[in-house]
């Protein structure tokens, strides 16, 4: 049986996010051998953490004991290896950065749609389905017929949507993302723009892949995740993608066969964007990682989770 339990979680809730809470959660995680990332802001909490099952569930109990967090939900998956190398508990202005002030992701969000009802919604002829994730995530998987905004970061979404709305002013909108947090905030933004009929997938792609039978699924490809698994498929089974150590782009099996791919150095997405000095530095870093792996050690310079 896999040794490590992984929990992806978030909740929009007014939170007293300061150094005292940061220190308390750091201690709670460290005491229970839990690593990963937790982001704290006045609008709530967001993160993905992993550890031995008993320790992780103790941390989850501690998070749910925070004011307003009793209903915090999480999505579980398992891994044979610890997917995160270290613990980070950070104080942020937003738990997911959109950069638009006065958005109310607590009281002003769109209509939640359960995974079991999602197919019927996005099949409706008057509904436009929008992927709120970044372009590199959309590239390896998305729902059939979904619009890709081609954004490099979530900060780009508001400007893209304003232009989209000018072209499609009377559209019913369905939005989704990996775990639900980005589409939840995106629906709050869209509603603030004066659009009422906006829906989002409860629990995101991960909950859909966990819940919906593959035979009935409208999902195509794999879902990018921000840990060492890189991507997952139906049932949250580990996917087939790797990652480029140079640019961090997810790589499909065919990318790994490309003559432009150099293990630990570059890939078809970044081979012409790196100087010889950079490539030499990446090659040396990769060599050190391999030595550490042979010795059964962790290489402190290795980055596996989203920064």
C-alpha atoms as a PDB file:
ATOM      1  CA  UNK A   1       0.000   0.000   0.000  1.00  0.00           C
ATOM      2  CA  UNK A   2       1.287   3.541  -0.783  1.00  0.00           C
ATOM      3  CA  UNK A   3       2.924   5.173   2.223  1.00  0.00           C
ATOM      4  CA  UNK A   4       1.978   8.814   1.797  1.00  0.00           C
ATOM      5  CA  UNK A   5      -1.435  10.455   1.820  1.00  0.00           C
ATOM      6  CA  UNK A   6      -1.799  13.670  -0.208  1.00  0.00           C
ATOM      7  CA  UNK A   7      -4.489  16.261   0.533  1.00  0.00           C
ATOM      8  CA  UNK A   8      -5.385  19.142  -1.791  1.00  0.00           C
ATOM      9  CA  UNK A   9      -7.483  21.713   0.040  1.00  0.00           C
ATOM     10  CA  UNK A  10      -8.757  25.269   0.048  1.00  0.00           C
ATOM     11  CA  UNK A  11     -11.469  27.350   1.635  1.00  0.00           C
ATOM     12  CA  UNK A  12     -12.493  30.946   1.115  1.00  0.00           C
ATOM     13  CA  UNK A  13     -13.236  32.244   4.603  1.00  0.00           C
ATOM     14  CA  UNK A  14     -12.330  35.424   6.540  1.00  0.00           C
ATOM     15  CA  UNK A  15      -9.100  34.425   8.251  1.00  0.00           C
ATOM     16  CA  UNK A  16      -6.814  36.090  10.770  1.00  0.00           C
ATOM     17  CA  UNK A  17      -3.760  35.301   8.666  1.00  0.00           C
ATOM     18  CA  UNK A  18      -0.722  36.566  10.547  1.00  0.00           C
ATOM     19  CA  UNK A  19       2.653  35.389  11.890  1.00  0.00           C
ATOM     20  CA  UNK A  20       1.059  33.689  14.919  1.00  0.00           C
ATOM     21  CA  UNK A  21      -1.122  31.428  12.765  1.00  0.00           C
ATOM     22  CA  UNK A  22       1.760  30.837  10.367  1.00  0.00           C
ATOM     23  CA  UNK A  23       4.020  29.662  13.205  1.00  0.00           C
ATOM     24  CA  UNK A  24       1.279  27.482  14.706  1.00  0.00           C
ATOM     25  CA  UNK A  25       0.611  25.655  11.455  1.00  0.00           C
ATOM     26  CA  UNK A  26       4.323  25.215  10.743  1.00  0.00           C
ATOM     27  CA  UNK A  27       4.748  23.515  14.114  1.00  0.00           C
ATOM     28  CA  UNK A  28       1.666  21.347  13.633  1.00  0.00           C
ATOM     29  CA  UNK A  29       2.898  20.099  10.253  1.00  0.00           C
ATOM     30  CA  UNK A  30       6.484  19.553  11.398  1.00  0.00           C
ATOM     31  CA  UNK A  31       5.344  17.575  14.452  1.00  0.00           C
ATOM     32  CA  UNK A  32       3.398  15.239  12.174  1.00  0.00           C
ATOM     33  CA  UNK A  33       5.996  14.816   9.377  1.00  0.00           C
ATOM     34  CA  UNK A  34       3.767  16.675   6.905  1.00  0.00           C
ATOM     35  CA  UNK A  35       5.340  18.605   4.034  1.00  0.00           C
ATOM     36  CA  UNK A  36       3.986  20.634   1.120  1.00  0.00           C
ATOM     37  CA  UNK A  37       2.618  24.147   0.881  1.00  0.00           C
ATOM     38  CA  UNK A  38      -0.043  26.085   2.778  1.00  0.00           C
ATOM     39  CA  UNK A  39      -0.963  29.633   1.751  1.00  0.00           C
ATOM     40  CA  UNK A  40      -2.730  31.893   4.243  1.00  0.00           C
ATOM     41  CA  UNK A  41      -4.481  35.177   3.453  1.00  0.00           C
ATOM     42  CA  UNK A  42      -7.357  37.261   4.734  1.00  0.00           C
ATOM     43  CA  UNK A  43      -9.594  35.551   2.170  1.00  0.00           C
ATOM     44  CA  UNK A  44      -8.820  32.002   3.361  1.00  0.00           C
ATOM     45  CA  UNK A  45      -6.447  29.039   3.093  1.00  0.00           C
ATOM     46  CA  UNK A  46      -5.103  27.036   0.158  1.00  0.00           C
ATOM     47  CA  UNK A  47      -2.578  24.252  -0.165  1.00  0.00           C
ATOM     48  CA  UNK A  48      -1.467  20.742  -0.962  1.00  0.00           C
ATOM     49  CA  UNK A  49       0.214  18.749   1.778  1.00  0.00           C
ATOM     50  CA  UNK A  50       1.370  15.160   2.225  1.00  0.00           C
ATOM     51  CA  UNK A  51       2.583  12.827   4.917  1.00  0.00           C
ATOM     52  CA  UNK A  52       1.898   9.577   6.776  1.00  0.00           C
ATOM     53  CA  UNK A  53      -1.861   9.059   7.013  1.00  0.00           C
ATOM     54  CA  UNK A  54      -2.163   9.543  10.777  1.00  0.00           C
ATOM     55  CA  UNK A  55      -0.035  12.693  10.726  1.00  0.00           C
ATOM     56  CA  UNK A  56      -1.856  14.206   7.770  1.00  0.00           C
ATOM     57  CA  UNK A  57      -5.263  13.613   9.317  1.00  0.00           C
ATOM     58  CA  UNK A  58      -4.073  15.274  12.527  1.00  0.00           C
ATOM     59  CA  UNK A  59      -3.082  18.353  10.518  1.00  0.00           C
ATOM     60  CA  UNK A  60      -6.436  18.364   8.703  1.00  0.00           C
ATOM     61  CA  UNK A  61      -8.208  18.256  12.076  1.00  0.00           C
ATOM     62  CA  UNK A  62      -6.125  21.235  13.159  1.00  0.00           C
ATOM     63  CA  UNK A  63      -7.063  23.202  10.044  1.00  0.00           C
ATOM     64  CA  UNK A  64     -10.757  22.451  10.525  1.00  0.00           C
ATOM     65  CA  UNK A  65     -10.487  23.762  14.094  1.00  0.00           C
ATOM     66  CA  UNK A  66      -9.709  27.243  12.745  1.00  0.00           C
ATOM     67  CA  UNK A  67     -12.617  29.720  12.951  1.00  0.00           C
ATOM     68  CA  UNK A  68     -14.970  29.223  10.012  1.00  0.00           C
ATOM     69  CA  UNK A  69     -13.041  26.209   8.668  1.00  0.00           C
ATOM     70  CA  UNK A  70     -15.136  23.355  10.085  1.00  0.00           C
ATOM     71  CA  UNK A  71     -16.497  22.646   6.605  1.00  0.00           C
ATOM     72  CA  UNK A  72     -13.111  22.622   4.886  1.00  0.00           C
ATOM     73  CA  UNK A  73     -13.098  19.891   2.236  1.00  0.00           C
ATOM     74  CA  UNK A  74     -10.082  18.154   0.781  1.00  0.00           C
ATOM     75  CA  UNK A  75      -9.273  15.729  -2.010  1.00  0.00           C
ATOM     76  CA  UNK A  76      -7.148  12.689  -1.264  1.00  0.00           C
ATOM     77  CA  UNK A  77      -4.676  10.674  -3.282  1.00  0.00           C
ATOM     78  CA  UNK A  78      -1.771   8.387  -2.436  1.00  0.00           C
ATOM     79  CA  UNK A  79       1.889   8.157  -3.400  1.00  0.00           C
ATOM     80  CA  UNK A  80       4.672   5.655  -2.821  1.00  0.00           C
ATOM     81  CA  UNK A  81       7.165   8.491  -2.315  1.00  0.00           C
ATOM     82  CA  UNK A  82       6.836  11.753  -0.433  1.00  0.00           C
ATOM     83  CA  UNK A  83       5.736  14.165  -3.207  1.00  0.00           C
ATOM     84  CA  UNK A  84       7.079  17.294  -1.478  1.00  0.00           C
ATOM     85  CA  UNK A  85      10.621  17.796  -0.270  1.00  0.00           C
ATOM     86  CA  UNK A  86       9.925  20.534   2.258  1.00  0.00           C
ATOM     87  CA  UNK A  87       7.242  22.454   4.135  1.00  0.00           C
ATOM     88  CA  UNK A  88       6.217  26.001   3.260  1.00  0.00           C
ATOM     89  CA  UNK A  89       3.591  28.002   5.158  1.00  0.00           C
ATOM     90  CA  UNK A  90       3.323  31.443   3.577  1.00  0.00           C
ATOM     91  CA  UNK A  91       1.365  34.608   4.244  1.00  0.00           C
ATOM     92  CA  UNK A  92      -0.089  36.075   1.056  1.00  0.00           C
ATOM     93  CA  UNK A  93      -2.412  38.863  -0.064  1.00  0.00           C
ATOM     94  CA  UNK A  94      -4.522  36.277  -1.903  1.00  0.00           C
ATOM     95  CA  UNK A  95      -4.631  32.494  -1.655  1.00  0.00           C
ATOM     96  CA  UNK A  96      -4.929  32.439  -5.439  1.00  0.00           C
ATOM     97  CA  UNK A  97      -3.596  35.554  -7.118  1.00  0.00           C
ATOM     98  CA  UNK A  98      -5.939  37.331  -9.491  1.00  0.00           C
ATOM     99  CA  UNK A  99      -4.830  40.870  -8.671  1.00  0.00           C
ATOM    100  CA  UNK A 100      -8.338  42.361  -8.738  1.00  0.00           C
ATOM    101  CA  UNK A 101      -9.377  44.157  -5.526  1.00  0.00           C
ATOM    102  CA  UNK A 102     -12.779  43.804  -3.850  1.00  0.00           C
ATOM    103  CA  UNK A 103     -13.677  40.416  -5.319  1.00  0.00           C
ATOM    104  CA  UNK A 104     -15.915  38.466  -2.923  1.00  0.00           C
ATOM    105  CA  UNK A 105     -15.140  34.739  -3.300  1.00  0.00           C
ATOM    106  CA  UNK A 106     -17.268  33.948  -0.239  1.00  0.00           C
ATOM    107  CA  UNK A 107     -20.650  35.539  -0.952  1.00  0.00           C
ATOM    108  CA  UNK A 108     -20.380  36.455  -4.628  1.00  0.00           C
ATOM    109  CA  UNK A 109     -19.538  33.197  -6.381  1.00  0.00           C
ATOM    110  CA  UNK A 110     -21.371  31.415  -9.172  1.00  0.00           C
ATOM    111  CA  UNK A 111     -23.513  28.284  -8.985  1.00  0.00           C
ATOM    112  CA  UNK A 112     -21.777  25.079  -7.910  1.00  0.00           C
ATOM    113  CA  UNK A 113     -22.271  22.056 -10.159  1.00  0.00           C
ATOM    114  CA  UNK A 114     -21.602  18.549  -8.873  1.00  0.00           C
ATOM    115  CA  UNK A 115     -19.299  16.303 -10.957  1.00  0.00           C
ATOM    116  CA  UNK A 116     -22.216  13.967 -11.688  1.00  0.00           C
ATOM    117  CA  UNK A 117     -24.154  16.859 -13.298  1.00  0.00           C
ATOM    118  CA  UNK A 118     -21.248  18.513 -15.118  1.00  0.00           C
ATOM    119  CA  UNK A 119     -21.583  16.618 -18.405  1.00  0.00           C
ATOM    120  CA  UNK A 120     -25.196  17.696 -18.895  1.00  0.00           C
ATOM    121  CA  UNK A 121     -24.286  21.330 -18.263  1.00  0.00           C
ATOM    122  CA  UNK A 122     -21.354  21.591 -20.661  1.00  0.00           C
ATOM    123  CA  UNK A 123     -23.235  19.687 -23.364  1.00  0.00           C
ATOM    124  CA  UNK A 124     -25.976  22.349 -23.371  1.00  0.00           C
ATOM    125  CA  UNK A 125     -25.827  24.287 -26.674  1.00  0.00           C
ATOM    126  CA  UNK A 126     -26.118  27.703 -24.989  1.00  0.00           C
ATOM    127  CA  UNK A 127     -23.257  27.111 -22.526  1.00  0.00           C
ATOM    128  CA  UNK A 128     -19.625  28.081 -23.162  1.00  0.00           C
ATOM    129  CA  UNK A 129     -17.125  26.118 -21.074  1.00  0.00           C
ATOM    130  CA  UNK A 130     -13.990  28.022 -20.047  1.00  0.00           C
ATOM    131  CA  UNK A 131     -10.787  26.549 -18.638  1.00  0.00           C
ATOM    132  CA  UNK A 132      -9.411  28.982 -16.043  1.00  0.00           C
ATOM    133  CA  UNK A 133      -5.996  27.300 -15.773  1.00  0.00           C
ATOM    134  CA  UNK A 134      -2.714  28.336 -17.360  1.00  0.00           C
ATOM    135  CA  UNK A 135      -1.887  27.444 -20.948  1.00  0.00           C
ATOM    136  CA  UNK A 136       0.704  24.771 -20.105  1.00  0.00           C
ATOM    137  CA  UNK A 137      -1.888  22.973 -17.943  1.00  0.00           C
ATOM    138  CA  UNK A 138      -4.570  23.102 -20.634  1.00  0.00           C
ATOM    139  CA  UNK A 139      -2.112  21.726 -23.171  1.00  0.00           C
ATOM    140  CA  UNK A 140      -2.002  18.271 -21.568  1.00  0.00           C
ATOM    141  CA  UNK A 141      -5.729  17.896 -20.889  1.00  0.00           C
ATOM    142  CA  UNK A 142      -9.109  19.640 -20.886  1.00  0.00           C
ATOM    143  CA  UNK A 143     -12.836  19.048 -21.200  1.00  0.00           C
ATOM    144  CA  UNK A 144     -14.184  18.383 -24.665  1.00  0.00           C
ATOM    145  CA  UNK A 145     -14.938  21.698 -26.392  1.00  0.00           C
ATOM    146  CA  UNK A 146     -13.630  23.940 -23.610  1.00  0.00           C
ATOM    147  CA  UNK A 147     -12.217  27.378 -24.423  1.00  0.00           C
ATOM    148  CA  UNK A 148      -8.515  27.845 -23.683  1.00  0.00           C
ATOM    149  CA  UNK A 149      -7.810  31.507 -22.784  1.00  0.00           C
ATOM    150  CA  UNK A 150      -4.056  30.915 -23.414  1.00  0.00           C
ATOM    151  CA  UNK A 151      -3.107  32.725 -20.213  1.00  0.00           C
ATOM    152  CA  UNK A 152       0.381  32.495 -18.741  1.00  0.00           C
ATOM    153  CA  UNK A 153      -0.929  33.127 -15.207  1.00  0.00           C
ATOM    154  CA  UNK A 154      -4.232  33.590 -13.406  1.00  0.00           C
ATOM    155  CA  UNK A 155      -3.519  37.333 -13.276  1.00  0.00           C
ATOM    156  CA  UNK A 156      -4.104  37.412 -17.041  1.00  0.00           C
ATOM    157  CA  UNK A 157      -7.612  35.996 -16.780  1.00  0.00           C
ATOM    158  CA  UNK A 158      -9.534  39.239 -15.968  1.00  0.00           C
ATOM    159  CA  UNK A 159      -8.231  41.083 -19.049  1.00  0.00           C
ATOM    160  CA  UNK A 160      -8.903  38.049 -21.238  1.00  0.00           C
ATOM    161  CA  UNK A 161     -12.437  37.746 -19.919  1.00  0.00           C
ATOM    162  CA  UNK A 162     -13.249  41.404 -20.451  1.00  0.00           C
ATOM    163  CA  UNK A 163     -12.401  40.984 -24.135  1.00  0.00           C
ATOM    164  CA  UNK A 164     -14.283  37.689 -24.314  1.00  0.00           C
ATOM    165  CA  UNK A 165     -17.392  39.287 -22.829  1.00  0.00           C
ATOM    166  CA  UNK A 166     -17.301  42.093 -25.383  1.00  0.00           C
ATOM    167  CA  UNK A 167     -17.409  39.452 -28.117  1.00  0.00           C
ATOM    168  CA  UNK A 168     -19.926  37.137 -26.365  1.00  0.00           C
ATOM    169  CA  UNK A 169     -22.087  39.374 -24.142  1.00  0.00           C
ATOM    170  CA  UNK A 170     -25.077  37.052 -23.546  1.00  0.00           C
ATOM    171  CA  UNK A 171     -23.435  33.703 -22.870  1.00  0.00           C
ATOM    172  CA  UNK A 172     -24.110  31.215 -20.088  1.00  0.00           C
ATOM    173  CA  UNK A 173     -20.698  30.258 -18.707  1.00  0.00           C
ATOM    174  CA  UNK A 174     -19.306  27.114 -17.095  1.00  0.00           C
ATOM    175  CA  UNK A 175     -15.825  27.307 -15.568  1.00  0.00           C
ATOM    176  CA  UNK A 176     -13.432  24.749 -14.158  1.00  0.00           C
ATOM    177  CA  UNK A 177      -9.876  24.372 -12.856  1.00  0.00           C
ATOM    178  CA  UNK A 178      -7.736  21.742 -11.122  1.00  0.00           C
ATOM    179  CA  UNK A 179      -9.267  21.698  -7.638  1.00  0.00           C
ATOM    180  CA  UNK A 180     -11.939  24.395  -7.793  1.00  0.00           C
ATOM    181  CA  UNK A 181     -10.183  27.404  -6.286  1.00  0.00           C
ATOM    182  CA  UNK A 182      -9.388  29.349  -9.457  1.00  0.00           C
ATOM    183  CA  UNK A 183     -12.777  28.801 -11.072  1.00  0.00           C
ATOM    184  CA  UNK A 184     -14.501  29.719  -7.808  1.00  0.00           C
ATOM    185  CA  UNK A 185     -12.702  33.052  -7.705  1.00  0.00           C
ATOM    186  CA  UNK A 186     -13.169  33.510 -11.452  1.00  0.00           C
ATOM    187  CA  UNK A 187     -16.942  33.137 -11.102  1.00  0.00           C
ATOM    188  CA  UNK A 188     -16.914  35.825  -8.395  1.00  0.00           C
ATOM    189  CA  UNK A 189     -15.092  38.119 -10.821  1.00  0.00           C
ATOM    190  CA  UNK A 190     -17.503  37.287 -13.659  1.00  0.00           C
ATOM    191  CA  UNK A 191     -20.530  37.947 -11.459  1.00  0.00           C
ATOM    192  CA  UNK A 192     -19.013  41.284 -10.453  1.00  0.00           C
ATOM    193  CA  UNK A 193     -18.927  42.079 -14.180  1.00  0.00           C
ATOM    194  CA  UNK A 194     -22.721  41.755 -14.253  1.00  0.00           C
ATOM    195  CA  UNK A 195     -23.138  38.179 -15.531  1.00  0.00           C
ATOM    196  CA  UNK A 196     -25.511  36.066 -13.442  1.00  0.00           C
ATOM    197  CA  UNK A 197     -25.610  32.710 -15.225  1.00  0.00           C
ATOM    198  CA  UNK A 198     -22.166  31.444 -14.381  1.00  0.00           C
ATOM    199  CA  UNK A 199     -21.428  27.948 -13.068  1.00  0.00           C
ATOM    200  CA  UNK A 200     -18.357  26.133 -11.789  1.00  0.00           C
ATOM    201  CA  UNK A 201     -17.350  22.528 -11.169  1.00  0.00           C
ATOM    202  CA  UNK A 202     -17.399  21.688  -7.463  1.00  0.00           C
ATOM    203  CA  UNK A 203     -14.077  20.124  -6.508  1.00  0.00           C
ATOM    204  CA  UNK A 204     -12.564  20.831  -9.911  1.00  0.00           C
ATOM    205  CA  UNK A 205     -11.095  18.364 -12.379  1.00  0.00           C
ATOM    206  CA  UNK A 206      -9.654  16.213  -9.605  1.00  0.00           C
ATOM    207  CA  UNK A 207     -13.064  15.551  -8.083  1.00  0.00           C
ATOM    208  CA  UNK A 208     -14.499  14.844 -11.533  1.00  0.00           C
ATOM    209  CA  UNK A 209     -11.747  12.330 -12.346  1.00  0.00           C
ATOM    210  CA  UNK A 210     -12.264  10.715  -8.953  1.00  0.00           C
ATOM    211  CA  UNK A 211     -16.059  10.547  -9.284  1.00  0.00           C
ATOM    212  CA  UNK A 212     -17.094  10.071 -12.914  1.00  0.00           C
ATOM    213  CA  UNK A 213     -16.784   6.712 -14.653  1.00  0.00           C
ATOM    214  CA  UNK A 214     -14.177   6.898 -17.457  1.00  0.00           C
ATOM    215  CA  UNK A 215     -16.758   5.458 -19.860  1.00  0.00           C
ATOM    216  CA  UNK A 216     -18.963   8.518 -19.261  1.00  0.00           C
ATOM    217  CA  UNK A 217     -16.171  11.069 -19.040  1.00  0.00           C
ATOM    218  CA  UNK A 218     -15.853  14.158 -21.241  1.00  0.00           C
ATOM    219  CA  UNK A 219     -12.305  14.752 -19.999  1.00  0.00           C
ATOM    220  CA  UNK A 220      -9.544  14.426 -22.592  1.00  0.00           C
ATOM    221  CA  UNK A 221      -5.906  13.840 -21.639  1.00  0.00           C
ATOM    222  CA  UNK A 222      -4.401  14.158 -18.161  1.00  0.00           C
ATOM    223  CA  UNK A 223      -4.640  16.732 -15.387  1.00  0.00           C
ATOM    224  CA  UNK A 224      -1.508  18.632 -14.358  1.00  0.00           C
ATOM    225  CA  UNK A 225      -0.853  18.662 -10.608  1.00  0.00           C
ATOM    226  CA  UNK A 226       1.668  20.721  -8.669  1.00  0.00           C
ATOM    227  CA  UNK A 227       3.728  17.931  -7.157  1.00  0.00           C
ATOM    228  CA  UNK A 228       6.124  15.180  -8.185  1.00  0.00           C
ATOM    229  CA  UNK A 229       3.359  13.156  -9.871  1.00  0.00           C
ATOM    230  CA  UNK A 230       3.218  15.849 -12.615  1.00  0.00           C
ATOM    231  CA  UNK A 231      -0.172  14.652 -13.900  1.00  0.00           C
ATOM    232  CA  UNK A 232      -3.009  12.281 -13.020  1.00  0.00           C
ATOM    233  CA  UNK A 233      -5.757  10.505 -14.922  1.00  0.00           C
ATOM    234  CA  UNK A 234      -9.103   8.951 -14.045  1.00  0.00           C
ATOM    235  CA  UNK A 235      -9.247   7.610 -10.527  1.00  0.00           C
ATOM    236  CA  UNK A 236      -6.355  10.015  -9.807  1.00  0.00           C
ATOM    237  CA  UNK A 237      -3.946   7.360 -11.048  1.00  0.00           C
ATOM    238  CA  UNK A 238      -0.445   8.725 -11.854  1.00  0.00           C
ATOM    239  CA  UNK A 239      -0.206   9.965 -15.431  1.00  0.00           C
ATOM    240  CA  UNK A 240       2.383   9.574 -18.159  1.00  0.00           C
ATOM    241  CA  UNK A 241       3.928  13.056 -18.097  1.00  0.00           C
ATOM    242  CA  UNK A 242       7.330  14.082 -16.837  1.00  0.00           C
ATOM    243  CA  UNK A 243       8.651  17.609 -16.344  1.00  0.00           C
ATOM    244  CA  UNK A 244      11.497  19.597 -17.862  1.00  0.00           C
ATOM    245  CA  UNK A 245      14.090  20.545 -15.267  1.00  0.00           C
ATOM    246  CA  UNK A 246      14.989  23.602 -17.301  1.00  0.00           C
ATOM    247  CA  UNK A 247      11.626  25.314 -17.859  1.00  0.00           C
ATOM    248  CA  UNK A 248       9.285  23.222 -15.655  1.00  0.00           C
ATOM    249  CA  UNK A 249       6.921  22.515 -18.579  1.00  0.00           C
ATOM    250  CA  UNK A 250       5.058  19.184 -18.442  1.00  0.00           C
ATOM    251  CA  UNK A 251       6.371  16.746 -21.030  1.00  0.00           C
ATOM    252  CA  UNK A 252       4.366  14.062 -22.812  1.00  0.00           C
ATOM    253  CA  UNK A 253       6.033  10.725 -23.704  1.00  0.00           C
ATOM    254  CA  UNK A 254       6.551  11.949 -27.281  1.00  0.00           C
ATOM    255  CA  UNK A 255       8.376  15.049 -25.961  1.00  0.00           C
ATOM    256  CA  UNK A 256      10.870  12.779 -24.210  1.00  0.00           C
ATOM    257  CA  UNK A 257      11.670  11.139 -27.552  1.00  0.00           C
ATOM    258  CA  UNK A 258      12.366  14.460 -29.271  1.00  0.00           C
ATOM    259  CA  UNK A 259      15.973  15.173 -30.352  1.00  0.00           C
ATOM    260  CA  UNK A 260      15.482  18.556 -28.643  1.00  0.00           C
ATOM    261  CA  UNK A 261      15.035  16.902 -25.248  1.00  0.00           C
ATOM    262  CA  UNK A 262      18.109  16.666 -23.012  1.00  0.00           C
ATOM    263  CA  UNK A 263      17.411  15.035 -19.663  1.00  0.00           C
ATOM    264  CA  UNK A 264      17.710  17.546 -16.847  1.00  0.00           C
ATOM    265  CA  UNK A 265      18.643  20.395 -19.195  1.00  0.00           C
ATOM    266  CA  UNK A 266      16.120  21.365 -21.875  1.00  0.00           C
ATOM    267  CA  UNK A 267      13.095  20.240 -23.889  1.00  0.00           C
ATOM    268  CA  UNK A 268      11.235  21.106 -27.118  1.00  0.00           C
ATOM    269  CA  UNK A 269       9.587  24.020 -25.297  1.00  0.00           C
ATOM    270  CA  UNK A 270      12.768  25.744 -24.104  1.00  0.00           C
ATOM    271  CA  UNK A 271      15.744  24.409 -26.100  1.00  0.00           C
ATOM    272  CA  UNK A 272      16.223  27.683 -27.984  1.00  0.00           C
ATOM    273  CA  UNK A 273      15.512  29.929 -24.983  1.00  0.00           C
ATOM    274  CA  UNK A 274      18.501  28.895 -22.853  1.00  0.00           C
ATOM    275  CA  UNK A 275      22.097  30.072 -23.196  1.00  0.00           C
ATOM    276  CA  UNK A 276      24.978  27.611 -23.205  1.00  0.00           C
ATOM    277  CA  UNK A 277      25.883  28.831 -19.731  1.00  0.00           C
ATOM    278  CA  UNK A 278      22.381  28.088 -18.460  1.00  0.00           C
ATOM    279  CA  UNK A 279      22.343  24.659 -20.063  1.00  0.00           C
ATOM    280  CA  UNK A 280      25.703  23.831 -18.510  1.00  0.00           C
ATOM    281  CA  UNK A 281      24.388  24.917 -15.100  1.00  0.00           C
ATOM    282  CA  UNK A 282      21.266  22.778 -15.487  1.00  0.00           C
ATOM    283  CA  UNK A 283      23.375  19.801 -16.567  1.00  0.00           C
ATOM    284  CA  UNK A 284      25.538  20.108 -13.446  1.00  0.00           C
ATOM    285  CA  UNK A 285      22.454  20.418 -11.231  1.00  0.00           C
ATOM    286  CA  UNK A 286      20.996  17.288 -12.806  1.00  0.00           C
ATOM    287  CA  UNK A 287      24.263  15.424 -12.272  1.00  0.00           C
ATOM    288  CA  UNK A 288      24.204  16.351  -8.584  1.00  0.00           C
ATOM    289  CA  UNK A 289      20.574  15.221  -8.300  1.00  0.00           C
ATOM    290  CA  UNK A 290      21.471  11.837  -9.801  1.00  0.00           C
ATOM    291  CA  UNK A 291      24.368  11.420  -7.372  1.00  0.00           C
ATOM    292  CA  UNK A 292      22.063  12.269  -4.459  1.00  0.00           C
ATOM    293  CA  UNK A 293      19.478   9.781  -5.682  1.00  0.00           C
ATOM    294  CA  UNK A 294      22.046   6.982  -5.935  1.00  0.00           C
ATOM    295  CA  UNK A 295      23.108   7.748  -2.357  1.00  0.00           C
ATOM    296  CA  UNK A 296      19.485   7.781  -1.192  1.00  0.00           C
ATOM    297  CA  UNK A 297      19.720  11.455  -0.267  1.00  0.00           C
ATOM    298  CA  UNK A 298      17.638  14.487  -1.123  1.00  0.00           C
ATOM    299  CA  UNK A 299      19.212  17.104  -3.329  1.00  0.00           C
ATOM    300  CA  UNK A 300      18.407  20.440  -1.646  1.00  0.00           C
ATOM    301  CA  UNK A 301      18.429  22.349  -4.911  1.00  0.00           C
ATOM    302  CA  UNK A 302      15.789  20.219  -6.570  1.00  0.00           C
ATOM    303  CA  UNK A 303      12.433  21.885  -7.218  1.00  0.00           C
ATOM    304  CA  UNK A 304       9.453  19.591  -7.532  1.00  0.00           C
ATOM    305  CA  UNK A 305       6.499  21.629  -6.325  1.00  0.00           C
ATOM    306  CA  UNK A 306       5.125  24.840  -7.755  1.00  0.00           C
ATOM    307  CA  UNK A 307       7.044  27.880  -6.539  1.00  0.00           C
END
